[in-house]
Structure formats: structure tokens, C-alpha cells
Amino acid sequence: MQFTVVSSKGMKRLAGVRGNKAALLPQERDGGCDLATLAQLPLPDLAALERQLDGLPASAWSPLGDFEFALPFVRPGKLVCLGLNYAEHAKEGGSKVPEYPSLFVRVPTSLVAAGQPMMCPSVSDKFDYEAELLVVIGRGGHRIAEADALAHVFCYSCFNDGSVRDYQRKTAQWTAGKNFDKTGAVGPIFVTADELPPGAQGLSIVSRLNGRTMQNDSTSQMLVSVGKAIAIISEIMTLEPGDMIAMGTPSGVGYARNPPVLMKQGDVIEVEIEGIGILRNPVVRESQKTLEVDHVAA
């Protein structure tokens, strides 16, 4: 199944996706706008959703571009990220290929939906893109064996791990550079694990800045596989339905280029993963007005 979460008349709605079109599911399915809820649906319920999509008339389907996308959760679970998970990316930044993955977390306020602006903070001009595969946990667990790990995956999506490079390097920990408000983009299409190769291996992963290809690689080049990542992370913490894992980025990021190519006001950044879709976001620069509006909205 392929699905997305959209904003319609002030409400979050679940929509099925077929190709480049989407259709709203009945409002009684609105509980499915939360990944944690949707991930726990029994297989017969998911099959019922598929049948509902099959029964919709052609008039119910609209181009994906007609929808306003929303973040697919009510109360976000954990988002655990892997750093340096592609050898060439580690090398381009002058880092050794790690024996154990660099792990960090992202907080909910750092995330935006597809189509929403990614925000370059006012305190930095070193805002970089990172195309990544996003894994969504369906069945939780602690100390999950690698051999069993893929059975715990509900779906996959695209992620842009927007990074504020100067703050990322202020300390040995990457937390500061990875958690500025509205710097990480998620979605818009979520594809259940049964529709992709095991562990989402062998998929093309690309980023484009203003139409120019910046990263172009394959998920087969990940040093730590999806199954291994689940085993490593669940050794540390209990994974729960709706938790997410970002699987690291390939080489070609902006800071490592000569001269560097970093995101700025007016740019458009895309992440495309084969079999999943395209995550597209404009880039804006934070201003005092932006902060004031966000404060009022909160």
C-alpha cells in the first residue's frame, strides 16, 4: 500500500496513492493519520483500505500536486538517525568509515512535511541537504535480532536531514546542527514494506537542488543495512510502532564541494527514492517575523 497524509479543510486526512495521484479515504479512517496508529493495523484492516481505494471512482483521484501535505503523526515517536552510513560520504567529509554507526536523534519541532518550507536559521548560512531513506517501525521490540528485524518494518519514505553545518561541528555531538526548527523534511509518500525489496535494498537515491543533481547513489551502498540498524538501535532502546530511523546520506552533500553549495532563501530541494517518490521543499530564511508568527501560532 502507498499512502500519504494531507491537510483538507483544516483537518488531517489519510489518502491512498496510486502513481502520481491520490484519493482521500473516508473520514472514519482519520485515526490512520498517525503513523503509530496505522502501523498497528492488522493485515485484514490494511487489505480493507486497499479495497476501498480500488472501489473509488476515477473522479475521486487528483494529482498529488493538488494536495497540501501534512506530517503523518499526532504525537511523533522517536526519530533515530544514522550518520556516516555511506563510505564515500564519510570520506568526502574527512571522516574514517565507522565501525559502529554514528547515532543521533531529531526532535519533533525540527520536522516539516513535504511542500512546507525548510528553514535556514538566521544564525547560520551553512544549511545543507541530505537525501535519506526513512524507515517506519510497525512492530516494536527490544533487542531485536537482525534476522528478525525486517518483520518489524511497517513502511518506508523519503527524508531530508537538513543540517546546519557550523553548529553541527561546534561539539563532538551533532545534536545542535541537526535540530534547528523546521530543518528536516519527511514524506510525502509512505510505501509499505511488502511493495519494496527486503530492507529497501538496491534503490536509487537522488537529491536535486534547483533541478541540479547533487547526490546520486543506491541504498545498496549503505554500510549498515536496515535490519542491522534496527538490531543496533533496539539493543539500546525499545522501538515502538511509529518510531522512525533515518538511514544516512550518500556523498555529494553541499559542504564537501569546492566551492561549497549550500541551501539559501528561494531554493527548491528534492529527494527522490526509487519506488517511493519525490520529497520536494522550498527553502526560506528565518526572520524575526517568522519567529513572531510561529510564537502566536503556538
Protein backbone atom coordinates (compact mmCIF):
# COMPACT_ATOMS: atom_id res chain seq x y z
CA MET A 1 0.00 0.00 0.00
CA GLN A 2 1.08 3.55 -0.72
CA PHE A 3 -0.40 6.41 1.26
CA THR A 4 0.10 9.99 2.34
CA VAL A 5 -1.35 12.37 4.92
CA VAL A 6 -2.79 15.66 3.72
CA SER A 7 -4.43 18.75 5.15
CA SER A 8 -8.03 19.19 3.98
CA LYS A 9 -10.38 21.84 5.36
CA GLY A 10 -8.29 22.24 8.47
CA MET A 11 -8.14 18.50 9.18
CA LYS A 12 -5.53 15.84 8.62
CA ARG A 13 -6.79 13.19 6.22
CA LEU A 14 -5.40 9.87 5.10
CA ALA A 15 -5.10 9.46 1.34
CA GLY A 16 -4.21 6.48 -0.80
CA VAL A 17 -1.63 6.94 -3.56
CA ARG A 18 -1.58 5.31 -6.98
CA GLY A 19 1.13 6.55 -9.30
CA ASN A 20 1.04 10.35 -9.38
CA LYS A 21 -2.49 10.61 -8.00
CA ALA A 22 -4.06 10.40 -4.56
CA ALA A 23 -7.59 10.00 -3.17
CA LEU A 24 -8.95 10.75 0.28
CA LEU A 25 -10.11 7.79 2.32
CA PRO A 26 -13.34 8.05 4.35
CA GLN A 27 -13.12 10.33 7.39
CA GLU A 28 -13.58 7.43 9.79
CA ARG A 29 -10.03 6.48 8.80
CA ASP A 30 -8.64 9.76 10.17
CA GLY A 31 -7.07 7.85 13.07
CA GLY A 32 -4.75 6.48 10.43
CA CYS A 33 -3.21 9.93 10.04
CA ASP A 34 -0.94 8.90 12.90
CA LEU A 35 1.84 6.53 11.84
CA ALA A 36 1.81 4.80 15.21
CA THR A 37 -1.90 4.01 14.81
CA LEU A 38 -1.69 2.99 11.17
CA ALA A 39 1.39 0.83 11.75
CA GLN A 40 -0.53 -1.31 14.24
CA LEU A 41 -3.48 -2.08 11.98
CA PRO A 42 -3.95 -5.82 11.42
CA LEU A 43 -3.27 -7.01 7.90
CA PRO A 44 -7.00 -7.54 7.18
CA ASP A 45 -7.63 -3.86 8.00
CA LEU A 46 -4.88 -2.76 5.63
CA ALA A 47 -6.33 -5.01 2.96
CA ALA A 48 -9.72 -3.39 3.57
CA LEU A 49 -8.18 0.03 2.96
CA GLU A 50 -6.76 -1.23 -0.32
CA ARG A 51 -10.21 -2.48 -1.35
CA GLN A 52 -11.68 0.93 -0.52
CA LEU A 53 -9.15 2.53 -2.83
CA ASP A 54 -9.94 0.00 -5.56
CA GLY A 55 -13.62 0.92 -5.28
CA LEU A 56 -13.17 4.67 -5.63
CA PRO A 57 -14.35 6.26 -8.90
CA ALA A 58 -11.88 7.98 -11.20
CA SER A 59 -13.31 11.34 -10.13
CA ALA A 60 -12.04 10.76 -6.58
CA TRP A 61 -8.41 10.77 -7.71
CA SER A 62 -6.48 14.03 -8.06
CA PRO A 63 -2.86 14.82 -8.94
CA LEU A 64 -0.53 14.68 -5.95
CA GLY A 65 0.41 18.28 -6.66
CA ASP A 66 -3.12 19.40 -5.79
CA PHE A 67 -2.74 18.34 -2.14
CA GLU A 68 -1.24 20.10 0.86
CA PHE A 69 0.81 17.51 2.71
CA ALA A 70 0.92 17.21 6.50
CA LEU A 71 3.20 15.46 8.97
CA PRO A 72 1.90 11.90 9.45
CA PHE A 73 1.65 11.79 13.21
CA VAL A 74 -0.29 13.20 16.12
CA ARG A 75 2.38 12.53 18.73
CA PRO A 76 5.67 11.78 16.96
CA GLY A 77 7.64 8.79 18.07
CA LYS A 78 11.42 8.64 18.17
CA LEU A 79 13.44 9.61 15.12
CA VAL A 80 16.87 7.99 15.32
CA CYS A 81 19.37 8.93 12.61
CA LEU A 82 22.48 7.17 11.34
CA GLY A 83 25.47 9.29 10.36
CA LEU A 84 28.29 8.30 8.02
CA ASN A 85 26.39 5.29 6.69
CA TYR A 86 27.80 5.57 3.15
CA ALA A 87 31.57 5.12 2.80
CA GLU A 88 32.04 7.83 0.17
CA HIS A 89 30.13 10.35 2.27
CA ALA A 90 32.38 9.62 5.25
CA LYS A 91 35.44 10.10 3.06
CA GLU A 92 34.26 13.35 1.47
CA GLY A 93 33.96 14.89 4.94
CA GLY A 94 37.37 13.69 6.05
CA SER A 95 35.97 11.07 8.43
CA LYS A 96 37.01 7.45 8.84
CA VAL A 97 34.48 4.82 7.85
CA PRO A 98 32.99 3.98 11.26
CA GLU A 99 32.99 0.50 12.73
CA TYR A 100 29.82 1.44 14.64
CA PRO A 101 27.27 3.90 13.26
CA SER A 102 27.15 7.49 14.50
CA LEU A 103 23.70 7.77 16.09
CA PHE A 104 21.77 10.91 16.93
CA VAL A 105 18.13 11.85 17.40
CA ARG A 106 15.86 14.52 15.98
CA VAL A 107 13.15 16.28 17.97
CA PRO A 108 9.62 16.84 16.58
CA THR A 109 9.98 20.63 16.20
CA SER A 110 12.80 20.07 13.71
CA LEU A 111 10.45 18.41 11.20
CA VAL A 112 8.27 19.69 8.36
CA ALA A 113 6.04 17.96 5.84
CA ALA A 114 6.68 17.74 2.13
CA GLY A 115 5.94 21.03 0.40
CA GLN A 116 6.42 23.08 3.55
CA PRO A 117 9.42 25.42 3.76
CA MET A 118 12.64 24.11 5.23
CA MET A 119 14.03 26.97 7.28
CA CYS A 120 17.60 28.20 7.16
CA PRO A 121 18.21 29.62 10.65
CA SER A 122 19.09 33.30 10.95
CA VAL A 123 22.27 32.48 12.88
CA SER A 124 23.89 30.49 10.06
CA ASP A 125 24.39 30.44 6.31
CA LYS A 126 25.60 26.84 6.22
CA PHE A 127 22.35 24.96 5.67
CA ASP A 128 22.97 21.68 3.84
CA TYR A 129 20.79 18.95 2.28
CA GLU A 130 21.00 15.20 2.92
CA ALA A 131 18.89 12.68 0.98
CA GLU A 132 17.97 9.71 3.17
CA LEU A 133 15.80 6.61 3.31
CA LEU A 134 13.30 6.74 6.18
CA VAL A 135 12.21 3.54 7.93
CA VAL A 136 8.98 3.43 9.97
CA ILE A 137 8.66 0.76 12.64
CA GLY A 138 5.45 -1.26 12.68
CA ARG A 139 6.04 -3.85 15.38
CA GLY A 140 8.04 -2.70 18.36
CA GLY A 141 10.58 -4.57 20.40
CA HIS A 142 13.74 -4.53 22.47
CA ARG A 143 16.94 -6.30 21.45
CA ILE A 144 15.51 -7.40 18.12
CA ALA A 145 17.66 -9.94 16.31
CA GLU A 146 18.95 -8.80 12.94
CA ALA A 147 17.49 -11.93 11.33
CA ASP A 148 14.02 -10.91 12.54
CA ALA A 149 14.35 -7.16 12.14
CA LEU A 150 12.71 -6.62 8.75
CA ALA A 151 9.49 -8.13 10.10
CA HIS A 152 9.33 -5.06 12.36
CA VAL A 153 9.26 -2.58 9.44
CA PHE A 154 5.90 -1.10 8.50
CA CYS A 155 6.82 1.23 5.67
CA TYR A 156 9.46 3.44 4.04
CA SER A 157 9.54 7.07 2.95
CA CYS A 158 11.93 9.89 2.00
CA PHE A 159 13.76 12.13 4.45
CA ASN A 160 15.87 15.27 4.03
CA ASP A 161 18.18 15.61 7.02
CA GLY A 162 18.77 19.35 6.63
CA SER A 163 21.96 20.12 8.56
CA VAL A 164 23.33 23.40 9.93
CA ARG A 165 26.98 22.54 9.42
CA ASP A 166 28.72 25.14 11.59
CA TYR A 167 26.54 24.23 14.59
CA GLN A 168 26.96 20.52 13.84
CA ARG A 169 30.70 20.98 14.36
CA LYS A 170 30.62 23.13 17.49
CA THR A 171 30.93 19.95 19.57
CA ALA A 172 31.69 16.27 19.04
CA GLN A 173 27.94 15.62 19.32
CA TRP A 174 25.77 16.57 16.30
CA THR A 175 22.60 17.43 18.19
CA ALA A 176 22.78 21.21 17.70
CA GLY A 177 23.27 21.10 13.93
CA LYS A 178 20.52 18.57 13.40
CA ASN A 179 17.68 20.03 15.46
CA PHE A 180 17.05 23.61 14.42
CA ASP A 181 13.33 24.20 13.92
CA LYS A 182 11.87 23.12 10.56
CA THR A 183 15.12 21.83 9.09
CA GLY A 184 14.20 18.19 8.40
CA ALA A 185 11.59 17.19 5.82
CA VAL A 186 9.50 13.99 5.80
CA GLY A 187 7.34 12.24 3.20
CA PRO A 188 5.13 12.72 1.35
CA ILE A 189 4.57 9.12 0.22
CA PHE A 190 4.82 6.12 2.54
CA VAL A 191 5.19 2.68 0.96
CA THR A 192 4.54 -0.47 2.96
CA ALA A 193 7.46 -2.88 3.17
CA ASP A 194 5.80 -5.56 1.03
CA GLU A 195 5.98 -3.30 -2.04
CA LEU A 196 9.76 -2.82 -1.92
CA PRO A 197 12.79 -5.13 -1.92
CA PRO A 198 13.70 -6.52 1.52
CA GLY A 199 15.31 -3.76 3.55
CA ALA A 200 14.69 -1.35 0.65
CA GLN A 201 17.99 -2.51 -0.82
CA GLY A 202 19.16 -1.52 -4.30
CA LEU A 203 17.01 1.59 -4.71
CA SER A 204 18.27 4.70 -6.45
CA ILE A 205 18.54 7.68 -4.07
CA VAL A 206 18.99 11.17 -5.53
CA SER A 207 18.91 14.78 -4.38
CA ARG A 208 18.41 17.78 -6.66
CA LEU A 209 18.93 21.44 -5.76
CA ASN A 210 17.07 23.77 -8.11
CA GLY A 211 16.95 20.93 -10.63
CA ARG A 212 20.69 20.15 -10.46
CA THR A 213 21.55 16.61 -9.37
CA MET A 214 23.71 16.76 -6.25
CA GLN A 215 23.60 13.19 -4.90
CA ASN A 216 23.09 10.04 -6.94
CA ASP A 217 23.65 6.66 -5.34
CA SER A 218 21.96 3.41 -4.32
CA THR A 219 20.71 2.17 -0.97
CA SER A 220 22.79 -0.95 -1.66
CA GLN A 221 25.79 1.19 -0.65
CA MET A 222 24.60 1.66 2.94
CA LEU A 223 27.25 0.34 5.33
CA VAL A 224 24.64 -0.63 7.92
CA SER A 225 21.53 -2.25 6.46
CA VAL A 226 18.00 -1.57 7.67
CA GLY A 227 17.94 -4.89 9.54
CA LYS A 228 21.30 -4.23 11.18
CA ALA A 229 20.23 -0.69 12.15
CA ILE A 230 17.11 -1.99 13.86
CA ALA A 231 19.17 -4.57 15.75
CA ILE A 232 21.74 -1.98 16.85
CA ILE A 233 19.22 0.65 17.93
CA SER A 234 16.89 -1.79 19.70
CA GLU A 235 19.84 -3.06 21.72
CA ILE A 236 19.92 0.44 23.25
CA MET A 237 16.25 1.42 23.40
CA THR A 238 12.84 -0.13 22.93
CA LEU A 239 11.49 0.61 19.46
CA GLU A 240 7.76 1.34 19.31
CA PRO A 241 5.22 1.45 16.47
CA GLY A 242 5.59 4.71 14.57
CA ASP A 243 9.24 5.23 15.52
CA MET A 244 11.43 6.23 12.60
CA ILE A 245 15.00 5.55 11.53
CA ALA A 246 16.83 7.76 9.02
CA MET A 247 19.43 5.67 7.25
CA GLY A 248 22.14 8.22 6.43
CA THR A 249 23.07 10.08 3.27
CA PRO A 250 25.30 9.33 0.27
CA SER A 251 28.17 11.50 -0.95
CA GLY A 252 27.59 14.78 -2.77
CA VAL A 253 26.47 16.97 0.12
CA GLY A 254 26.98 20.69 -0.23
CA TYR A 255 29.62 21.44 2.39
CA ALA A 256 32.07 18.94 0.90
CA ARG A 257 32.01 20.55 -2.55
CA ASN A 258 34.62 23.00 -3.78
CA PRO A 259 33.29 25.62 -3.57
CA PRO A 260 30.55 24.60 -1.11
CA VAL A 261 26.96 24.59 -2.39
CA LEU A 262 24.57 25.34 0.48
CA MET A 263 20.84 25.99 0.60
CA LYS A 264 19.50 29.53 0.72
CA GLN A 265 16.30 31.55 0.50
CA GLY A 266 14.39 30.78 -2.69
CA ASP A 267 15.96 27.38 -3.37
CA VAL A 268 13.96 24.20 -4.01
CA ILE A 269 15.40 20.92 -2.79
CA GLU A 270 14.21 17.46 -3.86
CA VAL A 271 14.91 13.96 -2.56
CA GLU A 272 13.84 11.09 -4.80
CA ILE A 273 14.00 7.40 -3.92
CA GLU A 274 13.14 4.75 -6.48
CA GLY A 275 9.84 3.04 -5.78
CA ILE A 276 8.86 5.60 -3.15
CA GLY A 277 8.59 9.04 -4.70
CA ILE A 278 9.81 12.63 -4.51
CA LEU A 279 10.08 14.81 -1.41
CA ARG A 280 10.15 18.46 -2.51
CA ASN A 281 10.52 21.53 -0.28
CA PRO A 282 11.20 25.22 -0.79
CA VAL A 283 13.86 26.86 1.37
CA VAL A 284 13.26 30.06 3.34
CA ARG A 285 15.42 32.06 5.69
CA GLU A 286 14.28 32.53 9.25
CA SER A 287 13.36 36.08 10.17
CA GLN A 288 12.06 37.83 13.26
CA LYS A 289 8.65 37.91 11.58
CA THR A 290 8.77 34.13 11.12
CA LEU A 291 9.56 33.69 14.79
CA GLU A 292 6.73 36.01 15.83
CA VAL A 293 4.17 34.18 13.65
CA ASP A 294 5.30 30.79 15.00
CA HIS A 295 5.06 32.10 18.57
CA VAL A 296 1.49 33.30 18.02
CA ALA A 297 0.52 30.01 16.34
CA ALA A 298 1.93 28.02 19.24
